[in-house]
Amino acid sequence: MQSYNIRLSDKPFIDRVKFPYGFRKAGDFSIAEADLLTKYGKTLLNLESGTDSPQSSDEQHFVEFVAGKVPASNSLEKVWQKYVHLARGKRHFYTLHSTASNQSDFDEDYTDESFDVA
């Protein structure tokens, strides 16, 4: 397992809004990714928001990664990128049932003149 020169969080990182049953049970993260988020998540969130200032080269690299200056270079940055995408990105929801409001998109070429009722 890779070690990071990033401070461990005082408390476990939990996102009850987007992952109410935890990162492990969400099905989006591997066990190793869920453990990384739980251990380092609060520190990474504070570094991202600017609440904490970086105290090591790894933390400085993470801040530059979050700012978009450098690509993700380790598994911790990659799992944070995945978390941000899943937690803050738009989720698509598909159903098998279309509503009447969506039906107008498909009825543009429909006219009554095409039917001959005799």
PDB file of N, CA and C in Angstrom:
ATOM      1  N   MET A   1       0.847  -1.188   0.000  1.00  0.00           N
ATOM      2  CA  MET A   1       0.000   0.000   0.000  1.00  0.00           C
ATOM      3  C   MET A   1       0.881   1.236   0.000  1.00  0.00           C
ATOM      4  N   GLN A   2       0.483   2.193  -0.764  1.00  0.00           N
ATOM      5  CA  GLN A   2       1.240   3.429  -0.904  1.00  0.00           C
ATOM      6  C   GLN A   2       0.985   4.329   0.302  1.00  0.00           C
ATOM      7  N   SER A   3       2.049   4.992   0.772  1.00  0.00           N
ATOM      8  CA  SER A   3       1.857   5.937   1.870  1.00  0.00           C
ATOM      9  C   SER A   3       1.895   7.353   1.300  1.00  0.00           C
ATOM     10  N   TYR A   4       1.130   8.208   1.913  1.00  0.00           N
ATOM     11  CA  TYR A   4       0.997   9.586   1.454  1.00  0.00           C
ATOM     12  C   TYR A   4       1.494  10.513   2.547  1.00  0.00           C
ATOM     13  N   ASN A   5       2.091  11.589   2.138  1.00  0.00           N
ATOM     14  CA  ASN A   5       2.543  12.592   3.086  1.00  0.00           C
ATOM     15  C   ASN A   5       1.431  13.637   3.246  1.00  0.00           C
ATOM     16  N   ILE A   6       0.264  13.132   3.604  1.00  0.00           N
ATOM     17  CA  ILE A   6      -0.921  13.963   3.818  1.00  0.00           C
ATOM     18  C   ILE A   6      -1.464  13.622   5.197  1.00  0.00           C
ATOM     19  N   ARG A   7      -1.876  14.645   5.917  1.00  0.00           N
ATOM     20  CA  ARG A   7      -2.386  14.443   7.275  1.00  0.00           C
ATOM     21  C   ARG A   7      -3.635  13.572   7.267  1.00  0.00           C
ATOM     22  N   LEU A   8      -3.725  12.672   8.216  1.00  0.00           N
ATOM     23  CA  LEU A   8      -4.938  11.880   8.390  1.00  0.00           C
ATOM     24  C   LEU A   8      -6.009  12.744   9.030  1.00  0.00           C
ATOM     25  N   SER A   9      -7.237  12.477   8.708  1.00  0.00           N
ATOM     26  CA  SER A   9      -8.348  13.221   9.297  1.00  0.00           C
ATOM     27  C   SER A   9      -8.542  12.819  10.743  1.00  0.00           C
ATOM     28  N   ASP A  10      -8.990  13.774  11.557  1.00  0.00           N
ATOM     29  CA  ASP A  10      -9.284  13.481  12.960  1.00  0.00           C
ATOM     30  C   ASP A  10     -10.474  12.527  13.077  1.00  0.00           C
ATOM     31  N   LYS A  11     -11.484  12.760  12.267  1.00  0.00           N
ATOM     32  CA  LYS A  11     -12.687  11.937  12.260  1.00  0.00           C
ATOM     33  C   LYS A  11     -12.838  11.318  10.870  1.00  0.00           C
ATOM     34  N   PRO A  12     -13.533  10.212  10.769  1.00  0.00           N
ATOM     35  CA  PRO A  12     -13.767   9.619   9.450  1.00  0.00           C
ATOM     36  C   PRO A  12     -14.600  10.558   8.577  1.00  0.00           C
ATOM     37  N   PHE A  13     -14.294  10.575   7.298  1.00  0.00           N
ATOM     38  CA  PHE A  13     -15.029  11.394   6.330  1.00  0.00           C
ATOM     39  C   PHE A  13     -16.273  10.627   5.901  1.00  0.00           C
ATOM     40  N   ILE A  14     -17.427  11.257   6.063  1.00  0.00           N
ATOM     41  CA  ILE A  14     -18.704  10.636   5.713  1.00  0.00           C
ATOM     42  C   ILE A  14     -19.527  11.657   4.936  1.00  0.00           C
ATOM     43  N   ASP A  15     -20.079  11.244   3.818  1.00  0.00           N
ATOM     44  CA  ASP A  15     -20.970  12.095   3.031  1.00  0.00           C
ATOM     45  C   ASP A  15     -22.357  11.468   3.074  1.00  0.00           C
ATOM     46  N   ARG A  16     -23.136  11.861   4.075  1.00  0.00           N
ATOM     47  CA  ARG A  16     -24.460  11.265   4.282  1.00  0.00           C
ATOM     48  C   ARG A  16     -25.477  11.703   3.237  1.00  0.00           C
ATOM     49  N   VAL A  17     -25.205  12.811   2.530  1.00  0.00           N
ATOM     50  CA  VAL A  17     -26.158  13.302   1.539  1.00  0.00           C
ATOM     51  C   VAL A  17     -26.099  12.450   0.274  1.00  0.00           C
ATOM     52  N   LYS A  18     -24.924  12.297  -0.308  1.00  0.00           N
ATOM     53  CA  LYS A  18     -24.785  11.571  -1.569  1.00  0.00           C
ATOM     54  C   LYS A  18     -24.548  10.076  -1.388  1.00  0.00           C
ATOM     55  N   PHE A  19     -23.966   9.695  -0.265  1.00  0.00           N
ATOM     56  CA  PHE A  19     -23.682   8.287   0.022  1.00  0.00           C
ATOM     57  C   PHE A  19     -24.204   7.953   1.415  1.00  0.00           C
ATOM     58  N   PRO A  20     -25.532   7.860   1.575  1.00  0.00           N
ATOM     59  CA  PRO A  20     -26.116   7.704   2.909  1.00  0.00           C
ATOM     60  C   PRO A  20     -25.734   6.403   3.619  1.00  0.00           C
ATOM     61  N   TYR A  21     -25.355   5.382   2.872  1.00  0.00           N
ATOM     62  CA  TYR A  21     -24.997   4.111   3.491  1.00  0.00           C
ATOM     63  C   TYR A  21     -23.489   3.909   3.555  1.00  0.00           C
ATOM     64  N   GLY A  22     -22.729   4.930   3.235  1.00  0.00           N
ATOM     65  CA  GLY A  22     -21.280   4.856   3.295  1.00  0.00           C
ATOM     66  C   GLY A  22     -20.667   4.587   1.937  1.00  0.00           C
ATOM     67  N   PHE A  23     -19.378   4.821   1.844  1.00  0.00           N
ATOM     68  CA  PHE A  23     -18.671   4.649   0.581  1.00  0.00           C
ATOM     69  C   PHE A  23     -18.554   3.177   0.194  1.00  0.00           C
ATOM     70  N   ARG A  24     -18.393   2.310   1.170  1.00  0.00           N
ATOM     71  CA  ARG A  24     -18.233   0.879   0.881  1.00  0.00           C
ATOM     72  C   ARG A  24     -19.505   0.277   0.303  1.00  0.00           C
ATOM     73  N   LYS A  25     -20.643   0.695   0.802  1.00  0.00           N
ATOM     74  CA  LYS A  25     -21.907   0.107   0.362  1.00  0.00           C
ATOM     75  C   LYS A  25     -22.511   0.818  -0.843  1.00  0.00           C
ATOM     76  N   ALA A  26     -21.896   1.900  -1.284  1.00  0.00           N
ATOM     77  CA  ALA A  26     -22.445   2.655  -2.404  1.00  0.00           C
ATOM     78  C   ALA A  26     -22.351   1.891  -3.716  1.00  0.00           C
ATOM     79  N   GLY A  27     -21.333   1.044  -3.835  1.00  0.00           N
ATOM     80  CA  GLY A  27     -21.151   0.300  -5.073  1.00  0.00           C
ATOM     81  C   GLY A  27     -20.335   1.043  -6.109  1.00  0.00           C
ATOM     82  N   ASP A  28     -19.929   2.260  -5.804  1.00  0.00           N
ATOM     83  CA  ASP A  28     -19.159   3.072  -6.746  1.00  0.00           C
ATOM     84  C   ASP A  28     -17.661   2.997  -6.494  1.00  0.00           C
ATOM     85  N   PHE A  29     -17.274   2.611  -5.291  1.00  0.00           N
ATOM     86  CA  PHE A  29     -15.875   2.609  -4.897  1.00  0.00           C
ATOM     87  C   PHE A  29     -15.438   1.203  -4.499  1.00  0.00           C
ATOM     88  N   SER A  30     -14.173   0.897  -4.769  1.00  0.00           N
ATOM     89  CA  SER A  30     -13.612  -0.348  -4.254  1.00  0.00           C
ATOM     90  C   SER A  30     -13.401  -0.193  -2.749  1.00  0.00           C
ATOM     91  N   ILE A  31     -13.081  -1.284  -2.082  1.00  0.00           N
ATOM     92  CA  ILE A  31     -12.852  -1.217  -0.635  1.00  0.00           C
ATOM     93  C   ILE A  31     -11.655  -0.323  -0.332  1.00  0.00           C
ATOM     94  N   ALA A  32     -10.597  -0.440  -1.135  1.00  0.00           N
ATOM     95  CA  ALA A  32      -9.411   0.396  -0.930  1.00  0.00           C
ATOM     96  C   ALA A  32      -9.734   1.875  -1.151  1.00  0.00           C
ATOM     97  N   GLU A  33     -10.528   2.185  -2.175  1.00  0.00           N
ATOM     98  CA  GLU A  33     -10.911   3.577  -2.431  1.00  0.00           C
ATOM     99  C   GLU A  33     -11.776   4.118  -1.300  1.00  0.00           C
ATOM    100  N   ALA A  34     -12.708   3.312  -0.820  1.00  0.00           N
ATOM    101  CA  ALA A  34     -13.576   3.736   0.287  1.00  0.00           C
ATOM    102  C   ALA A  34     -12.752   4.009   1.544  1.00  0.00           C
ATOM    103  N   ASP A  35     -11.748   3.172   1.796  1.00  0.00           N
ATOM    104  CA  ASP A  35     -10.889   3.388   2.961  1.00  0.00           C
ATOM    105  C   ASP A  35     -10.071   4.664   2.831  1.00  0.00           C
ATOM    106  N   LEU A  36      -9.561   4.946   1.627  1.00  0.00           N
ATOM    107  CA  LEU A  36      -8.809   6.184   1.409  1.00  0.00           C
ATOM    108  C   LEU A  36      -9.682   7.407   1.646  1.00  0.00           C
ATOM    109  N   LEU A  37     -10.909   7.381   1.121  1.00  0.00           N
ATOM    110  CA  LEU A  37     -11.816   8.513   1.334  1.00  0.00           C
ATOM    111  C   LEU A  37     -12.151   8.685   2.813  1.00  0.00           C
ATOM    112  N   THR A  38     -12.361   7.596   3.496  1.00  0.00           N
ATOM    113  CA  THR A  38     -12.703   7.674   4.916  1.00  0.00           C
ATOM    114  C   THR A  38     -11.546   8.228   5.736  1.00  0.00           C
ATOM    115  N   LYS A  39     -10.322   7.812   5.434  1.00  0.00           N
ATOM    116  CA  LYS A  39      -9.158   8.248   6.210  1.00  0.00           C
ATOM    117  C   LYS A  39      -8.732   9.678   5.897  1.00  0.00           C
ATOM    118  N   TYR A  40      -8.703  10.042   4.618  1.00  0.00           N
ATOM    119  CA  TYR A  40      -8.128  11.322   4.197  1.00  0.00           C
ATOM    120  C   TYR A  40      -9.161  12.350   3.744  1.00  0.00           C
ATOM    121  N   GLY A  41     -10.428  11.970   3.675  1.00  0.00           N
ATOM    122  CA  GLY A  41     -11.447  12.828   3.078  1.00  0.00           C
ATOM    123  C   GLY A  41     -11.594  14.206   3.685  1.00  0.00           C
ATOM    124  N   LYS A  42     -11.633  14.300   4.999  1.00  0.00           N
ATOM    125  CA  LYS A  42     -11.795  15.617   5.648  1.00  0.00           C
ATOM    126  C   LYS A  42     -10.606  16.521   5.355  1.00  0.00           C
ATOM    127  N   THR A  43      -9.413  15.962   5.383  1.00  0.00           N
ATOM    128  CA  THR A  43      -8.217  16.762   5.075  1.00  0.00           C
ATOM    129  C   THR A  43      -8.258  17.240   3.626  1.00  0.00           C
ATOM    130  N   LEU A  44      -8.626  16.349   2.716  1.00  0.00           N
ATOM    131  CA  LEU A  44      -8.695  16.722   1.304  1.00  0.00           C
ATOM    132  C   LEU A  44      -9.769  17.774   1.059  1.00  0.00           C
ATOM    133  N   LEU A  45     -10.901  17.633   1.722  1.00  0.00           N
ATOM    134  CA  LEU A  45     -11.973  18.626   1.587  1.00  0.00           C
ATOM    135  C   LEU A  45     -11.524  19.985   2.106  1.00  0.00           C
ATOM    136  N   ASN A  46     -10.819  20.005   3.238  1.00  0.00           N
ATOM    137  CA  ASN A  46     -10.318  21.267   3.797  1.00  0.00           C
ATOM    138  C   ASN A  46      -9.238  21.877   2.904  1.00  0.00           C
ATOM    139  N   LEU A  47      -8.398  21.049   2.313  1.00  0.00           N
ATOM    140  CA  LEU A  47      -7.387  21.574   1.381  1.00  0.00           C
ATOM    141  C   LEU A  47      -8.046  22.130   0.125  1.00  0.00           C
ATOM    142  N   GLU A  48      -9.070  21.447  -0.354  1.00  0.00           N
ATOM    143  CA  GLU A  48      -9.772  21.896  -1.554  1.00  0.00           C
ATOM    144  C   GLU A  48     -10.485  23.225  -1.318  1.00  0.00           C
ATOM    145  N   SER A  49     -11.108  23.362  -0.164  1.00  0.00           N
ATOM    146  CA  SER A  49     -11.866  24.585   0.125  1.00  0.00           C
ATOM    147  C   SER A  49     -10.980  25.743   0.570  1.00  0.00           C
ATOM    148  N   GLY A  50      -9.730  25.445   0.916  1.00  0.00           N
ATOM    149  CA  GLY A  50      -8.829  26.491   1.370  1.00  0.00           C
ATOM    150  C   GLY A  50      -8.877  26.715   2.868  1.00  0.00           C
ATOM    151  N   THR A  51      -9.647  25.913   3.587  1.00  0.00           N
ATOM    152  CA  THR A  51      -9.713  26.023   5.046  1.00  0.00           C
ATOM    153  C   THR A  51      -8.360  25.724   5.674  1.00  0.00           C
ATOM    154  N   ASP A  52      -7.687  24.680   5.172  1.00  0.00           N
ATOM    155  CA  ASP A  52      -6.339  24.334   5.631  1.00  0.00           C
ATOM    156  C   ASP A  52      -5.334  24.682   4.548  1.00  0.00           C
ATOM    157  N   SER A  53      -4.148  25.062   4.962  1.00  0.00           N
ATOM    158  CA  SER A  53      -3.086  25.313   3.990  1.00  0.00           C
ATOM    159  C   SER A  53      -2.202  24.071   3.898  1.00  0.00           C
ATOM    160  N   PRO A  54      -1.629  23.819   2.728  1.00  0.00           N
ATOM    161  CA  PRO A  54      -0.787  22.631   2.557  1.00  0.00           C
ATOM    162  C   PRO A  54       0.463  22.697   3.424  1.00  0.00           C
ATOM    163  N   GLN A  55       0.816  21.550   4.040  1.00  0.00           N
ATOM    164  CA  GLN A  55       1.975  21.492   4.922  1.00  0.00           C
ATOM    165  C   GLN A  55       3.041  20.529   4.419  1.00  0.00           C
ATOM    166  N   SER A  56       2.826  19.912   3.261  1.00  0.00           N
ATOM    167  CA  SER A  56       3.818  18.996   2.704  1.00  0.00           C
ATOM    168  C   SER A  56       3.779  19.087   1.190  1.00  0.00           C
ATOM    169  N   SER A  57       4.726  18.444   0.554  1.00  0.00           N
ATOM    170  CA  SER A  57       4.772  18.481  -0.910  1.00  0.00           C
ATOM    171  C   SER A  57       3.579  17.735  -1.510  1.00  0.00           C
ATOM    172  N   ASP A  58       3.138  16.642  -0.885  1.00  0.00           N
ATOM    173  CA  ASP A  58       1.969  15.916  -1.380  1.00  0.00           C
ATOM    174  C   ASP A  58       0.700  16.758  -1.251  1.00  0.00           C
ATOM    175  N   GLU A  59       0.578  17.473  -0.152  1.00  0.00           N
ATOM    176  CA  GLU A  59      -0.585  18.338   0.024  1.00  0.00           C
ATOM    177  C   GLU A  59      -0.553  19.495  -0.972  1.00  0.00           C
ATOM    178  N   GLN A  60       0.627  20.044  -1.235  1.00  0.00           N
ATOM    179  CA  GLN A  60       0.752  21.115  -2.218  1.00  0.00           C
ATOM    180  C   GLN A  60       0.390  20.602  -3.610  1.00  0.00           C
ATOM    181  N   HIS A  61       0.830  19.394  -3.934  1.00  0.00           N
ATOM    182  CA  HIS A  61       0.496  18.804  -5.237  1.00  0.00           C
ATOM    183  C   HIS A  61      -1.013  18.584  -5.345  1.00  0.00           C
ATOM    184  N   PHE A  62      -1.657  18.168  -4.244  1.00  0.00           N
ATOM    185  CA  PHE A  62      -3.106  17.988  -4.257  1.00  0.00           C
ATOM    186  C   PHE A  62      -3.825  19.305  -4.513  1.00  0.00           C
ATOM    187  N   VAL A  63      -3.357  20.370  -3.895  1.00  0.00           N
ATOM    188  CA  VAL A  63      -3.964  21.693  -4.102  1.00  0.00           C
ATOM    189  C   VAL A  63      -3.817  22.109  -5.570  1.00  0.00           C
ATOM    190  N   GLU A  64      -2.662  21.853  -6.145  1.00  0.00           N
ATOM    191  CA  GLU A  64      -2.459  22.173  -7.564  1.00  0.00           C
ATOM    192  C   GLU A  64      -3.334  21.288  -8.448  1.00  0.00           C
ATOM    193  N   PHE A  65      -3.509  20.029  -8.054  1.00  0.00           N
ATOM    194  CA  PHE A  65      -4.389  19.123  -8.793  1.00  0.00           C
ATOM    195  C   PHE A  65      -5.840  19.614  -8.758  1.00  0.00           C
ATOM    196  N   VAL A  66      -6.300  20.028  -7.592  1.00  0.00           N
ATOM    197  CA  VAL A  66      -7.672  20.508  -7.458  1.00  0.00           C
ATOM    198  C   VAL A  66      -7.878  21.790  -8.263  1.00  0.00           C
ATOM    199  N   ALA A  67      -6.837  22.605  -8.348  1.00  0.00           N
ATOM    200  CA  ALA A  67      -6.926  23.847  -9.117  1.00  0.00           C
ATOM    201  C   ALA A  67      -6.861  23.595 -10.622  1.00  0.00           C
ATOM    202  N   GLY A  68      -6.552  22.366 -11.018  1.00  0.00           N
ATOM    203  CA  GLY A  68      -6.499  22.042 -12.436  1.00  0.00           C
ATOM    204  C   GLY A  68      -5.159  22.307 -13.087  1.00  0.00           C
ATOM    205  N   LYS A  69      -4.141  22.553 -12.295  1.00  0.00           N
ATOM    206  CA  LYS A  69      -2.819  22.869 -12.834  1.00  0.00           C
ATOM    207  C   LYS A  69      -2.031  21.625 -13.211  1.00  0.00           C
ATOM    208  N   VAL A  70      -2.271  20.508 -12.517  1.00  0.00           N
ATOM    209  CA  VAL A  70      -1.562  19.255 -12.782  1.00  0.00           C
ATOM    210  C   VAL A  70      -2.576  18.111 -12.799  1.00  0.00           C
ATOM    211  N   PRO A  71      -2.278  17.040 -13.528  1.00  0.00           N
ATOM    212  CA  PRO A  71      -3.187  15.884 -13.525  1.00  0.00           C
ATOM    213  C   PRO A  71      -3.014  15.057 -12.249  1.00  0.00           C
ATOM    214  N   ALA A  72      -3.963  14.181 -11.999  1.00  0.00           N
ATOM    215  CA  ALA A  72      -3.891  13.287 -10.837  1.00  0.00           C
ATOM    216  C   ALA A  72      -2.707  12.348 -11.011  1.00  0.00           C
ATOM    217  N   SER A  73      -1.875  12.248  -9.975  1.00  0.00           N
ATOM    218  CA  SER A  73      -0.662  11.454 -10.103  1.00  0.00           C
ATOM    219  C   SER A  73      -0.615  10.253  -9.171  1.00  0.00           C
ATOM    220  N   ASN A  74      -1.532  10.157  -8.212  1.00  0.00           N
ATOM    221  CA  ASN A  74      -1.536   9.005  -7.308  1.00  0.00           C
ATOM    222  C   ASN A  74      -2.977   8.551  -7.086  1.00  0.00           C
ATOM    223  N   SER A  75      -3.111   7.414  -6.428  1.00  0.00           N
ATOM    224  CA  SER A  75      -4.447   6.834  -6.249  1.00  0.00           C
ATOM    225  C   SER A  75      -5.336   7.691  -5.350  1.00  0.00           C
ATOM    226  N   LEU A  76      -4.762   8.436  -4.431  1.00  0.00           N
ATOM    227  CA  LEU A  76      -5.555   9.298  -3.562  1.00  0.00           C
ATOM    228  C   LEU A  76      -6.199  10.433  -4.371  1.00  0.00           C
ATOM    229  N   GLU A  77      -5.431  11.035  -5.257  1.00  0.00           N
ATOM    230  CA  GLU A  77      -5.985  12.099  -6.104  1.00  0.00           C
ATOM    231  C   GLU A  77      -7.000  11.534  -7.091  1.00  0.00           C
ATOM    232  N   LYS A  78      -6.759  10.341  -7.590  1.00  0.00           N
ATOM    233  CA  LYS A  78      -7.709   9.726  -8.520  1.00  0.00           C
ATOM    234  C   LYS A  78      -9.028   9.383  -7.835  1.00  0.00           C
ATOM    235  N   VAL A  79      -8.954   8.877  -6.609  1.00  0.00           N
ATOM    236  CA  VAL A  79     -10.196   8.558  -5.905  1.00  0.00           C
ATOM    237  C   VAL A  79     -10.930   9.840  -5.513  1.00  0.00           C
ATOM    238  N   TRP A  80     -10.219  10.921  -5.213  1.00  0.00           N
ATOM    239  CA  TRP A  80     -10.881  12.192  -4.919  1.00  0.00           C
ATOM    240  C   TRP A  80     -11.573  12.725  -6.174  1.00  0.00           C
ATOM    241  N   GLN A  81     -10.918  12.570  -7.304  1.00  0.00           N
ATOM    242  CA  GLN A  81     -11.509  12.990  -8.574  1.00  0.00           C
ATOM    243  C   GLN A  81     -12.793  12.192  -8.845  1.00  0.00           C
ATOM    244  N   LYS A  82     -12.757  10.913  -8.576  1.00  0.00           N
ATOM    245  CA  LYS A  82     -13.922  10.049  -8.750  1.00  0.00           C
ATOM    246  C   LYS A  82     -15.037  10.455  -7.787  1.00  0.00           C
ATOM    247  N   TYR A  83     -14.676  10.734  -6.533  1.00  0.00           N
ATOM    248  CA  TYR A  83     -15.664  11.158  -5.541  1.00  0.00           C
ATOM    249  C   TYR A  83     -16.343  12.462  -5.969  1.00  0.00           C
ATOM    250  N   VAL A  84     -15.549  13.431  -6.388  1.00  0.00           N
ATOM    251  CA  VAL A  84     -16.112  14.725  -6.798  1.00  0.00           C
ATOM    252  C   VAL A  84     -17.044  14.545  -7.987  1.00  0.00           C
ATOM    253  N   HIS A  85     -16.642  13.720  -8.930  1.00  0.00           N
ATOM    254  CA  HIS A  85     -17.483  13.469 -10.104  1.00  0.00           C
ATOM    255  C   HIS A  85     -18.821  12.842  -9.702  1.00  0.00           C
ATOM    256  N   LEU A  86     -18.778  11.860  -8.807  1.00  0.00           N
ATOM    257  CA  LEU A  86     -20.003  11.183  -8.395  1.00  0.00           C
ATOM    258  C   LEU A  86     -20.858  12.030  -7.454  1.00  0.00           C
ATOM    259  N   ALA A  87     -20.227  12.753  -6.551  1.00  0.00           N
ATOM    260  CA  ALA A  87     -20.983  13.507  -5.546  1.00  0.00           C
ATOM    261  C   ALA A  87     -21.511  14.835  -6.073  1.00  0.00           C
ATOM    262  N   ARG A  88     -20.770  15.456  -6.957  1.00  0.00           N
ATOM    263  CA  ARG A  88     -21.158  16.797  -7.407  1.00  0.00           C
ATOM    264  C   ARG A  88     -21.606  16.847  -8.851  1.00  0.00           C
ATOM    265  N   GLY A  89     -21.359  15.788  -9.589  1.00  0.00           N
ATOM    266  CA  GLY A  89     -21.754  15.744 -10.993  1.00  0.00           C
ATOM    267  C   GLY A  89     -23.234  15.443 -11.127  1.00  0.00           C
ATOM    268  N   LYS A  90     -23.761  15.689 -12.302  1.00  0.00           N
ATOM    269  CA  LYS A  90     -25.167  15.424 -12.560  1.00  0.00           C
ATOM    270  C   LYS A  90     -25.339  13.937 -12.848  1.00  0.00           C
ATOM    271  N   ARG A  91     -26.236  13.317 -12.149  1.00  0.00           N
ATOM    272  CA  ARG A  91     -26.531  11.906 -12.379  1.00  0.00           C
ATOM    273  C   ARG A  91     -27.697  11.811 -13.345  1.00  0.00           C
ATOM    274  N   HIS A  92     -27.563  10.937 -14.304  1.00  0.00           N
ATOM    275  CA  HIS A  92     -28.635  10.708 -15.269  1.00  0.00           C
ATOM    276  C   HIS A  92     -29.550   9.616 -14.742  1.00  0.00           C
ATOM    277  N   PHE A  93     -30.825   9.844 -14.900  1.00  0.00           N
ATOM    278  CA  PHE A  93     -31.813   8.886 -14.424  1.00  0.00           C
ATOM    279  C   PHE A  93     -32.702   8.529 -15.597  1.00  0.00           C
ATOM    280  N   TYR A  94     -32.763   7.269 -15.908  1.00  0.00           N
ATOM    281  CA  TYR A  94     -33.549   6.804 -17.035  1.00  0.00           C
ATOM    282  C   TYR A  94     -34.696   5.941 -16.527  1.00  0.00           C
ATOM    283  N   THR A  95     -35.849   6.116 -17.161  1.00  0.00           N
ATOM    284  CA  THR A  95     -36.995   5.298 -16.811  1.00  0.00           C
ATOM    285  C   THR A  95     -37.546   4.648 -18.066  1.00  0.00           C
ATOM    286  N   LEU A  96     -38.396   3.688 -17.883  1.00  0.00           N
ATOM    287  CA  LEU A  96     -39.063   3.047 -19.018  1.00  0.00           C
ATOM    288  C   LEU A  96     -40.392   3.715 -19.330  1.00  0.00           C
ATOM    289  N   HIS A  97     -40.771   4.668 -18.546  1.00  0.00           N
ATOM    290  CA  HIS A  97     -42.055   5.340 -18.687  1.00  0.00           C
ATOM    291  C   HIS A  97     -41.795   6.778 -19.124  1.00  0.00           C
ATOM    292  N   SER A  98     -42.417   7.180 -20.214  1.00  0.00           N
ATOM    293  CA  SER A  98     -42.277   8.573 -20.621  1.00  0.00           C
ATOM    294  C   SER A  98     -43.512   9.336 -20.177  1.00  0.00           C
ATOM    295  N   THR A  99     -43.321  10.581 -19.835  1.00  0.00           N
ATOM    296  CA  THR A  99     -44.441  11.397 -19.372  1.00  0.00           C
ATOM    297  C   THR A  99     -45.031  12.160 -20.538  1.00  0.00           C
ATOM    298  N   ALA A 100     -46.180  12.723 -20.317  1.00  0.00           N
ATOM    299  CA  ALA A 100     -46.852  13.486 -21.363  1.00  0.00           C
ATOM    300  C   ALA A 100     -46.046  14.717 -21.755  1.00  0.00           C
ATOM    301  N   SER A 101     -45.321  15.287 -20.821  1.00  0.00           N
ATOM    302  CA  SER A 101     -44.541  16.475 -21.145  1.00  0.00           C
ATOM    303  C   SER A 101     -43.401  16.137 -22.103  1.00  0.00           C
ATOM    304  N   ASN A 102     -42.863  14.929 -22.036  1.00  0.00           N
ATOM    305  CA  ASN A 102     -41.810  14.508 -22.961  1.00  0.00           C
ATOM    306  C   ASN A 102     -42.378  14.066 -24.297  1.00  0.00           C
ATOM    307  N   GLN A 103     -43.641  13.732 -24.335  1.00  0.00           N
ATOM    308  CA  GLN A 103     -44.250  13.219 -25.555  1.00  0.00           C
ATOM    309  C   GLN A 103     -44.277  14.279 -26.648  1.00  0.00           C
ATOM    310  N   SER A 104     -44.321  15.549 -26.298  1.00  0.00           N
ATOM    311  CA  SER A 104     -44.363  16.607 -27.301  1.00  0.00           C
ATOM    312  C   SER A 104     -43.102  16.641 -28.150  1.00  0.00           C
ATOM    313  N   ASP A 105     -42.005  16.132 -27.642  1.00  0.00           N
ATOM    314  CA  ASP A 105     -40.771  16.079 -28.418  1.00  0.00           C
ATOM    315  C   ASP A 105     -40.887  15.126 -29.589  1.00  0.00           C
ATOM    316  N   PHE A 106     -41.751  14.121 -29.472  1.00  0.00           N
ATOM    317  CA  PHE A 106     -41.868  13.104 -30.502  1.00  0.00           C
ATOM    318  C   PHE A 106     -43.034  13.354 -31.445  1.00  0.00           C
ATOM    319  N   ASP A 107     -43.900  14.294 -31.134  1.00  0.00           N
ATOM    320  CA  ASP A 107     -45.108  14.527 -31.911  1.00  0.00           C
ATOM    321  C   ASP A 107     -45.018  15.741 -32.822  1.00  0.00           C
ATOM    322  N   GLU A 108     -43.830  16.219 -33.145  1.00  0.00           N
ATOM    323  CA  GLU A 108     -43.704  17.429 -33.961  1.00  0.00           C
ATOM    324  C   GLU A 108     -44.202  17.221 -35.388  1.00  0.00           C
ATOM    325  N   ASP A 109     -43.993  16.023 -35.947  1.00  0.00           N
ATOM    326  CA  ASP A 109     -44.380  15.790 -37.330  1.00  0.00           C
ATOM    327  C   ASP A 109     -45.769  15.162 -37.455  1.00  0.00           C
ATOM    328  N   TYR A 110     -46.482  15.047 -36.390  1.00  0.00           N
ATOM    329  CA  TYR A 110     -47.816  14.446 -36.395  1.00  0.00           C
ATOM    330  C   TYR A 110     -48.839  15.471 -36.854  1.00  0.00           C
ATOM    331  N   THR A 111     -49.675  15.048 -37.776  1.00  0.00           N
ATOM    332  CA  THR A 111     -50.795  15.892 -38.203  1.00  0.00           C
ATOM    333  C   THR A 111     -52.037  15.018 -38.322  1.00  0.00           C
ATOM    334  N   ASP A 112     -53.218  15.625 -38.210  1.00  0.00           N
ATOM    335  CA  ASP A 112     -54.472  14.892 -38.355  1.00  0.00           C
ATOM    336  C   ASP A 112     -54.781  14.598 -39.815  1.00  0.00           C
ATOM    337  N   GLU A 113     -54.141  15.318 -40.728  1.00  0.00           N
ATOM    338  CA  GLU A 113     -54.445  15.176 -42.147  1.00  0.00           C
ATOM    339  C   GLU A 113     -53.989  13.839 -42.704  1.00  0.00           C
ATOM    340  N   SER A 114     -53.090  13.145 -42.043  1.00  0.00           N
ATOM    341  CA  SER A 114     -52.583  11.893 -42.578  1.00  0.00           C
ATOM    342  C   SER A 114     -53.576  10.738 -42.406  1.00  0.00           C
ATOM    343  N   PHE A 115     -54.627  10.941 -41.622  1.00  0.00           N
ATOM    344  CA  PHE A 115     -55.609   9.891 -41.422  1.00  0.00           C
ATOM    345  C   PHE A 115     -56.865  10.202 -42.242  1.00  0.00           C
ATOM    346  N   ASP A 116     -57.304   9.212 -42.989  1.00  0.00           N
ATOM    347  CA  ASP A 116     -58.521   9.364 -43.775  1.00  0.00           C
ATOM    348  C   ASP A 116     -59.593   8.508 -43.130  1.00  0.00           C
ATOM    349  N   VAL A 117     -60.535   9.176 -42.523  1.00  0.00           N
ATOM    350  CA  VAL A 117     -61.629   8.463 -41.873  1.00  0.00           C
ATOM    351  C   VAL A 117     -62.830   8.531 -42.797  1.00  0.00           C
ATOM    352  N   ALA A 118     -63.260   7.379 -43.336  1.00  0.00           N
ATOM    353  CA  ALA A 118     -64.356   7.393 -44.304  1.00  0.00           C
ATOM    354  C   ALA A 118     -65.566   6.698 -43.805  1.00  0.00           C
TER     355      ALA A 118
END
